[in-house]
N, C-alpha and C. Protein backbone atom coordinates (compact mmCIF):
# COMPACT_ATOMS: atom_id res chain seq x y z
N MET A 1 123.53 116.19 80.40
CA MET A 1 122.55 114.96 80.01
C MET A 1 121.27 115.03 80.82
N ASN A 2 120.40 114.77 79.61
CA ASN A 2 118.97 114.96 80.51
C ASN A 2 117.93 113.72 81.06
N TYR A 3 117.48 114.02 81.69
CA TYR A 3 116.82 113.26 82.76
C TYR A 3 116.45 112.19 81.87
N GLY A 4 115.80 112.05 80.95
CA GLY A 4 115.15 110.71 79.97
C GLY A 4 116.25 110.15 79.52
N GLU A 5 117.50 110.35 79.35
CA GLU A 5 119.00 109.91 78.87
C GLU A 5 119.16 109.08 80.40
N LEU A 6 119.07 109.74 81.30
CA LEU A 6 119.53 109.03 82.58
C LEU A 6 118.86 107.94 83.03
N LEU A 7 117.42 107.96 83.08
CA LEU A 7 116.32 107.39 82.78
C LEU A 7 116.60 105.97 82.05
N LYS A 8 117.20 106.36 81.24
CA LYS A 8 117.27 105.23 80.04
C LYS A 8 118.55 104.48 80.78
N MET A 9 119.33 105.15 81.32
CA MET A 9 120.72 104.36 81.78
C MET A 9 120.39 103.34 82.75
N ALA A 10 118.94 104.05 83.27
CA ALA A 10 118.60 103.07 84.53
C ALA A 10 118.40 102.05 84.22
N ILE A 11 117.40 102.60 82.90
CA ILE A 11 116.52 101.01 82.70
C ILE A 11 117.11 99.82 82.49
N GLU A 12 118.59 100.27 81.49
CA GLU A 12 119.95 99.26 81.23
C GLU A 12 120.24 98.76 82.21
N ASN A 13 120.26 99.38 83.34
CA ASN A 13 121.27 98.58 84.58
C ASN A 13 120.55 98.00 85.43
N ARG A 14 119.16 97.74 85.11
CA ARG A 14 118.08 96.61 85.62
C ARG A 14 119.12 95.44 85.03
N LYS A 15 119.77 95.49 84.02
CA LYS A 15 120.69 94.29 83.83
C LYS A 15 121.26 93.08 84.31
N THR A 16 121.58 94.46 85.69
CA THR A 16 122.62 93.79 86.21
C THR A 16 121.90 93.43 87.61
N SER A 17 120.70 93.65 87.97
CA SER A 17 119.90 93.11 89.11
C SER A 17 120.20 91.44 89.69
N TYR A 18 120.41 91.10 90.96
CA TYR A 18 120.48 89.71 90.97
C TYR A 18 119.22 90.15 92.57
N SER A 19 117.90 89.45 91.34
CA SER A 19 117.01 89.70 92.31
C SER A 19 116.27 87.84 91.91
N PRO A 20 116.93 86.92 92.52
CA PRO A 20 116.16 85.78 92.53
C PRO A 20 115.02 85.32 93.20
N TYR A 21 114.80 85.87 94.71
CA TYR A 21 113.37 85.63 95.64
C TYR A 21 112.71 86.79 94.92
N SER A 22 112.68 87.93 94.83
CA SER A 22 111.54 88.88 94.60
C SER A 22 111.10 88.77 93.17
N LYS A 23 112.31 88.80 92.15
CA LYS A 23 112.37 88.99 90.69
C LYS A 23 111.68 90.26 90.41
N PHE A 24 112.19 91.54 91.29
CA PHE A 24 111.74 92.95 90.70
C PHE A 24 113.08 93.02 90.83
N ARG A 25 113.33 93.61 89.65
CA ARG A 25 114.77 93.88 89.04
C ARG A 25 114.48 95.48 88.93
N VAL A 26 115.97 96.29 90.26
CA VAL A 26 115.61 97.65 90.02
C VAL A 26 117.09 97.78 88.88
N GLY A 27 117.22 99.27 88.76
CA GLY A 27 118.50 99.69 88.42
C GLY A 27 118.24 101.53 88.54
N ALA A 28 119.60 101.41 88.60
CA ALA A 28 120.11 103.38 88.94
C ALA A 28 120.69 103.80 88.12
N ALA A 29 120.75 104.99 87.67
CA ALA A 29 121.67 105.68 87.21
C ALA A 29 122.30 107.26 88.34
N LEU A 30 123.46 107.04 88.73
CA LEU A 30 123.48 108.17 89.44
C LEU A 30 124.55 109.57 88.83
N LEU A 31 124.20 110.62 88.59
CA LEU A 31 124.64 111.40 88.17
C LEU A 31 125.52 112.77 88.98
N ALA A 32 127.12 112.29 89.19
CA ALA A 32 127.85 113.37 89.70
C ALA A 32 127.84 114.42 88.87
N ARG A 33 128.33 115.05 90.24
CA ARG A 33 128.77 116.84 89.64
C ARG A 33 129.04 116.87 88.74
N ASN A 34 130.41 116.60 88.11
CA ASN A 34 131.20 116.36 86.99
C ASN A 34 130.87 115.38 86.05
N GLY A 35 129.84 114.94 86.21
CA GLY A 35 129.37 114.48 84.79
C GLY A 35 128.94 113.00 84.95
N ARG A 36 129.81 112.09 85.36
CA ARG A 36 130.05 110.92 85.68
C ARG A 36 129.14 110.47 85.83
N VAL A 37 128.50 109.06 85.45
CA VAL A 37 127.33 108.52 85.46
C VAL A 37 127.84 106.94 86.41
N PHE A 38 127.30 106.74 87.53
CA PHE A 38 127.44 105.47 88.18
C PHE A 38 126.65 104.93 88.07
N GLY A 39 126.41 103.49 87.54
CA GLY A 39 125.14 102.47 87.47
C GLY A 39 124.83 101.39 88.98
N GLY A 40 124.10 100.94 89.32
CA GLY A 40 123.88 99.90 90.09
C GLY A 40 122.91 99.06 89.89
N GLY A 41 122.05 98.14 90.32
CA GLY A 41 121.15 97.41 90.06
C GLY A 41 121.12 96.65 91.40
N ASN A 42 119.74 96.38 92.12
CA ASN A 42 119.32 96.05 93.72
C ASN A 42 120.36 94.05 93.51
N ILE A 43 120.24 93.95 95.18
CA ILE A 43 121.67 93.34 94.81
C ILE A 43 120.57 92.21 96.58
N GLU A 44 119.75 90.50 96.15
CA GLU A 44 119.25 90.54 97.15
C GLU A 44 120.06 89.27 97.71
N ASN A 45 119.48 88.78 98.94
CA ASN A 45 120.43 87.82 99.91
C ASN A 45 119.06 87.11 100.86
N SER A 46 119.36 85.49 100.42
CA SER A 46 118.24 84.77 100.96
C SER A 46 117.88 85.37 102.67
N SER A 47 119.27 86.26 103.22
CA SER A 47 119.29 86.34 104.42
C SER A 47 118.45 88.24 104.06
N PHE A 48 117.13 88.24 103.95
CA PHE A 48 116.49 90.00 103.45
C PHE A 48 116.98 90.66 104.14
N GLY A 49 117.72 91.05 105.27
CA GLY A 49 118.30 92.24 105.66
C GLY A 49 119.49 92.25 104.88
N ALA A 50 120.28 91.86 104.85
CA ALA A 50 121.04 92.03 103.75
C ALA A 50 121.15 92.52 102.35
N THR A 51 120.15 92.18 101.77
CA THR A 51 119.70 93.25 100.15
C THR A 51 119.90 94.40 100.36
N ASN A 52 120.74 94.84 99.16
CA ASN A 52 121.26 96.50 99.16
C ASN A 52 120.20 97.17 98.02
N CYS A 53 119.60 97.93 97.86
CA CYS A 53 118.72 98.61 96.71
C CYS A 53 120.04 99.13 95.93
N ALA A 54 119.25 99.00 94.20
CA ALA A 54 120.31 99.61 93.17
C ALA A 54 120.62 101.24 93.49
N GLU A 55 119.81 101.89 94.09
CA GLU A 55 120.67 102.97 94.21
C GLU A 55 121.53 103.30 95.23
N ARG A 56 121.41 102.19 96.48
CA ARG A 56 122.86 103.00 96.88
C ARG A 56 123.71 101.62 96.71
N THR A 57 123.47 101.08 95.86
CA THR A 57 124.58 99.92 94.78
C THR A 57 125.15 101.52 94.21
N ALA A 58 124.53 102.00 93.68
CA ALA A 58 125.10 103.37 92.95
C ALA A 58 125.88 104.02 93.53
N ILE A 59 125.42 104.49 94.62
CA ILE A 59 125.89 105.47 95.35
C ILE A 59 127.15 105.22 96.15
N PHE A 60 127.05 103.66 96.92
CA PHE A 60 128.54 103.21 97.42
C PHE A 60 129.46 103.30 96.29
N LYS A 61 128.66 102.68 95.05
CA LYS A 61 130.24 102.75 94.09
C LYS A 61 130.93 103.95 94.03
N ALA A 62 130.03 104.85 93.56
CA ALA A 62 130.63 106.26 93.48
C ALA A 62 131.49 106.45 94.44
N VAL A 63 130.86 106.50 95.99
CA VAL A 63 131.20 107.21 96.96
C VAL A 63 133.11 106.15 97.07
N SER A 64 132.82 105.17 96.73
CA SER A 64 134.00 104.21 96.86
C SER A 64 135.31 104.61 95.85
N GLU A 65 134.49 104.99 94.65
CA GLU A 65 135.56 105.84 93.88
C GLU A 65 136.23 107.23 93.34
N GLY A 66 135.54 107.69 94.92
CA GLY A 66 135.87 109.13 95.06
C GLY A 66 135.07 110.74 94.64
N GLU A 67 133.97 109.88 94.20
CA GLU A 67 132.96 110.89 94.02
C GLU A 67 132.25 111.23 95.40
N ARG A 68 131.77 112.70 95.82
CA ARG A 68 131.18 112.72 96.94
C ARG A 68 129.79 114.03 96.77
N GLU A 69 129.73 114.04 95.44
CA GLU A 69 129.02 115.35 95.06
C GLU A 69 128.02 114.78 93.58
N PHE A 70 126.66 114.92 94.25
CA PHE A 70 126.03 114.16 93.05
C PHE A 70 124.66 115.31 92.32
N GLU A 71 124.16 115.03 91.56
CA GLU A 71 123.45 116.43 91.05
C GLU A 71 121.99 115.20 90.64
N ALA A 72 121.75 114.30 90.47
CA ALA A 72 120.47 113.19 90.22
C ALA A 72 120.70 111.86 90.21
N ILE A 73 119.47 111.07 90.41
CA ILE A 73 119.58 109.64 90.47
C ILE A 73 118.37 109.30 89.68
N ALA A 74 118.70 108.40 88.65
CA ALA A 74 117.07 108.07 88.28
C ALA A 74 116.77 106.32 88.31
N ILE A 75 115.91 105.86 88.65
CA ILE A 75 115.46 104.66 88.99
C ILE A 75 114.33 104.35 88.45
N ALA A 76 114.55 103.12 87.97
CA ALA A 76 113.54 102.04 87.21
C ALA A 76 113.72 100.82 87.65
N GLY A 77 112.45 100.37 87.81
CA GLY A 77 112.12 99.04 88.53
C GLY A 77 110.59 97.92 87.98
N GLY A 78 110.74 97.03 88.32
CA GLY A 78 109.46 96.35 87.93
C GLY A 78 109.57 94.98 87.48
N TYR A 79 108.98 94.23 87.19
CA TYR A 79 108.91 92.45 86.94
C TYR A 79 109.44 92.70 85.37
N ASP A 80 110.08 91.57 84.60
CA ASP A 80 110.32 91.73 83.36
C ASP A 80 110.44 93.07 82.90
N ASP A 81 109.78 93.14 81.79
CA ASP A 81 110.00 93.99 80.84
C ASP A 81 108.90 95.09 81.88
N ASN A 82 107.62 94.68 82.42
CA ASN A 82 106.57 95.83 82.85
C ASN A 82 107.07 97.12 84.21
N LEU A 83 108.37 98.01 83.48
CA LEU A 83 108.29 98.76 84.22
C LEU A 83 107.14 99.47 85.08
N GLN A 84 107.53 100.16 86.50
CA GLN A 84 106.76 100.58 86.81
C GLN A 84 107.18 102.32 87.79
N PHE A 85 106.94 102.88 88.18
CA PHE A 85 107.17 103.97 88.90
C PHE A 85 107.97 103.68 90.04
N CYS A 86 108.70 103.78 90.40
CA CYS A 86 109.66 103.06 91.49
C CYS A 86 110.57 104.02 92.26
N PRO A 87 109.61 104.50 93.31
CA PRO A 87 110.26 105.72 94.61
C PRO A 87 111.27 104.66 95.20
N PRO A 88 112.80 105.44 95.95
CA PRO A 88 113.37 104.87 96.69
C PRO A 88 113.19 104.90 97.81
N CYS A 89 113.66 103.47 98.64
CA CYS A 89 112.57 103.56 99.92
C CYS A 89 113.35 104.35 100.98
N GLY A 90 113.06 104.25 102.36
CA GLY A 90 113.72 105.23 103.36
C GLY A 90 114.90 105.40 103.40
N ILE A 91 115.58 104.21 103.50
CA ILE A 91 116.95 104.23 103.96
C ILE A 91 118.25 104.34 102.43
N CYS A 92 117.54 104.54 101.73
CA CYS A 92 117.82 104.53 100.01
C CYS A 92 117.97 106.59 100.58
N ARG A 93 116.48 107.03 100.57
CA ARG A 93 116.21 108.56 101.08
C ARG A 93 117.72 109.16 101.73
N GLN A 94 117.38 108.25 102.89
CA GLN A 94 118.75 108.44 104.02
C GLN A 94 120.07 108.88 103.52
N VAL A 95 120.17 107.36 103.04
CA VAL A 95 121.75 107.57 102.29
C VAL A 95 121.78 108.91 101.24
N MET A 96 120.95 109.38 100.42
CA MET A 96 120.94 110.30 99.60
C MET A 96 121.62 111.65 99.94
N THR A 97 120.21 111.46 101.44
CA THR A 97 120.79 112.94 102.52
C THR A 97 122.55 113.58 102.84
N GLU A 98 123.06 112.10 102.73
CA GLU A 98 124.38 111.90 103.18
C GLU A 98 125.29 112.36 102.23
N PHE A 99 125.13 112.85 100.72
CA PHE A 99 125.72 112.97 99.70
C PHE A 99 125.25 113.99 99.33
N ALA A 100 123.76 114.36 99.22
CA ALA A 100 123.19 115.75 98.01
C ALA A 100 122.63 116.62 99.13
N ASP A 101 122.55 117.61 98.96
CA ASP A 101 121.59 118.81 98.78
C ASP A 101 119.93 118.39 98.73
N PRO A 102 119.65 117.96 99.58
CA PRO A 102 117.78 117.75 99.59
C PRO A 102 117.18 118.88 99.32
N GLU A 103 117.33 119.64 98.77
CA GLU A 103 116.73 121.14 97.34
C GLU A 103 116.79 121.15 96.16
N THR A 104 118.13 120.94 96.34
CA THR A 104 118.43 120.44 94.06
C THR A 104 118.26 119.01 93.89
N PHE A 105 119.37 118.27 94.97
CA PHE A 105 119.19 116.90 94.09
C PHE A 105 117.78 115.99 93.67
N LYS A 106 117.73 116.17 92.31
CA LYS A 106 116.81 115.12 91.46
C LYS A 106 116.69 113.76 91.53
N ILE A 107 115.63 113.44 91.76
CA ILE A 107 115.13 112.02 91.62
C ILE A 107 113.99 111.71 90.52
N VAL A 108 114.85 111.10 89.19
CA VAL A 108 113.87 110.93 88.51
C VAL A 108 113.19 109.50 88.58
N LEU A 109 112.17 109.05 88.06
CA LEU A 109 111.38 107.97 88.50
C LEU A 109 110.25 107.91 86.94
N GLY A 110 110.86 106.48 86.56
CA GLY A 110 109.69 106.53 85.51
C GLY A 110 110.21 105.49 84.57
N THR A 111 109.03 105.07 83.30
CA THR A 111 108.99 103.80 82.52
C THR A 111 110.15 103.96 81.66
N SER A 112 110.26 105.06 81.17
CA SER A 112 110.72 104.93 79.65
C SER A 112 111.81 106.63 79.50
N GLU A 113 112.17 106.66 78.68
CA GLU A 113 113.06 107.84 78.70
C GLU A 113 112.19 109.06 78.17
N ASN A 114 110.61 108.37 77.49
CA ASN A 114 109.59 110.14 77.18
C ASN A 114 108.73 109.84 78.60
N ASP A 115 108.56 109.18 79.95
CA ASP A 115 107.68 109.23 80.74
C ASP A 115 108.19 108.87 82.18
N TYR A 116 108.52 109.98 82.58
CA TYR A 116 108.93 109.91 83.77
C TYR A 116 108.49 111.03 84.74
N LYS A 117 108.63 111.35 86.20
CA LYS A 117 108.51 112.19 86.48
C LYS A 117 109.79 112.51 87.63
N VAL A 118 110.21 114.24 87.75
CA VAL A 118 111.17 114.29 88.63
C VAL A 118 110.86 115.27 89.77
N TYR A 119 111.62 114.52 91.10
CA TYR A 119 110.95 115.26 92.76
C TYR A 119 112.42 115.78 93.29
N THR A 120 112.85 116.40 93.88
CA THR A 120 113.69 116.81 94.76
C THR A 120 113.64 115.69 95.61
N LEU A 121 115.00 115.41 96.64
CA LEU A 121 114.86 114.97 98.06
C LEU A 121 114.37 115.34 98.67
N ALA A 122 114.42 116.87 99.08
CA ALA A 122 113.40 117.46 99.77
C ALA A 122 111.72 117.22 100.24
N GLU A 123 111.32 117.27 98.55
CA GLU A 123 109.66 116.42 98.18
C GLU A 123 109.65 115.00 98.64
N ILE A 124 110.64 114.17 98.49
CA ILE A 124 109.92 113.00 98.87
C ILE A 124 111.10 112.98 100.60
N LEU A 125 111.23 113.59 100.56
CA LEU A 125 112.01 113.22 102.68
C LEU A 125 112.14 114.46 102.95
N PRO A 126 110.60 114.94 103.54
CA PRO A 126 110.60 116.33 104.39
C PRO A 126 110.82 116.38 105.79
N LEU A 127 111.61 116.87 106.36
CA LEU A 127 112.27 117.13 107.78
C LEU A 127 113.00 115.87 108.08
N CYS A 128 114.00 115.57 106.88
CA CYS A 128 115.12 114.71 106.77
C CYS A 128 116.12 114.60 108.27
N PHE A 129 116.81 113.64 108.51
CA PHE A 129 117.99 114.02 109.24
C PHE A 129 119.41 113.96 108.74
N SER A 130 120.01 114.65 109.08
CA SER A 130 121.25 114.76 108.27
C SER A 130 122.75 115.07 109.13
N LYS A 131 123.91 115.69 108.58
CA LYS A 131 124.93 115.57 109.62
C LYS A 131 124.92 116.52 109.77
N SER A 132 123.70 117.66 109.64
CA SER A 132 124.02 118.99 109.64
C SER A 132 123.18 118.97 111.35
N ASP A 133 122.46 118.00 111.61
CA ASP A 133 121.63 117.76 112.93
C ASP A 133 122.62 117.18 113.54
N LEU A 134 124.56 116.76 113.58
CA LEU A 134 125.01 115.77 114.55
C LEU A 134 125.52 117.11 115.20
N GLY A 135 125.67 118.10 115.29
CA GLY A 135 126.43 119.44 115.94
C GLY A 135 127.16 120.19 114.81
């Protein structure tokens, strides 16, 4: 699967967003090493701290179904149909570090399957704290 196709899936997954407060809909598509793709949308809550980002929704869904190895995630967000580059928050970056190699895991950000940029997790979360730091 190419990155444009993965981003197209993330854009489609914005439809699963529950964002009645911010109206900012985010979708994610997580590519597992075995080729399976897991989708997620952001889920807001009136107690804002209980809100879950689209990236973590996709990761938690995959992990709850037994997946543990991932290659890439595409993220698309914005208001209505006005997509913008939408990098993951710090909490999502940390969760990605738990299940992916920061040097090889790719993060795809874009506004369409033809307009995107690809970063490694290490590029957007340098000097990360990981399970290897726990001994």
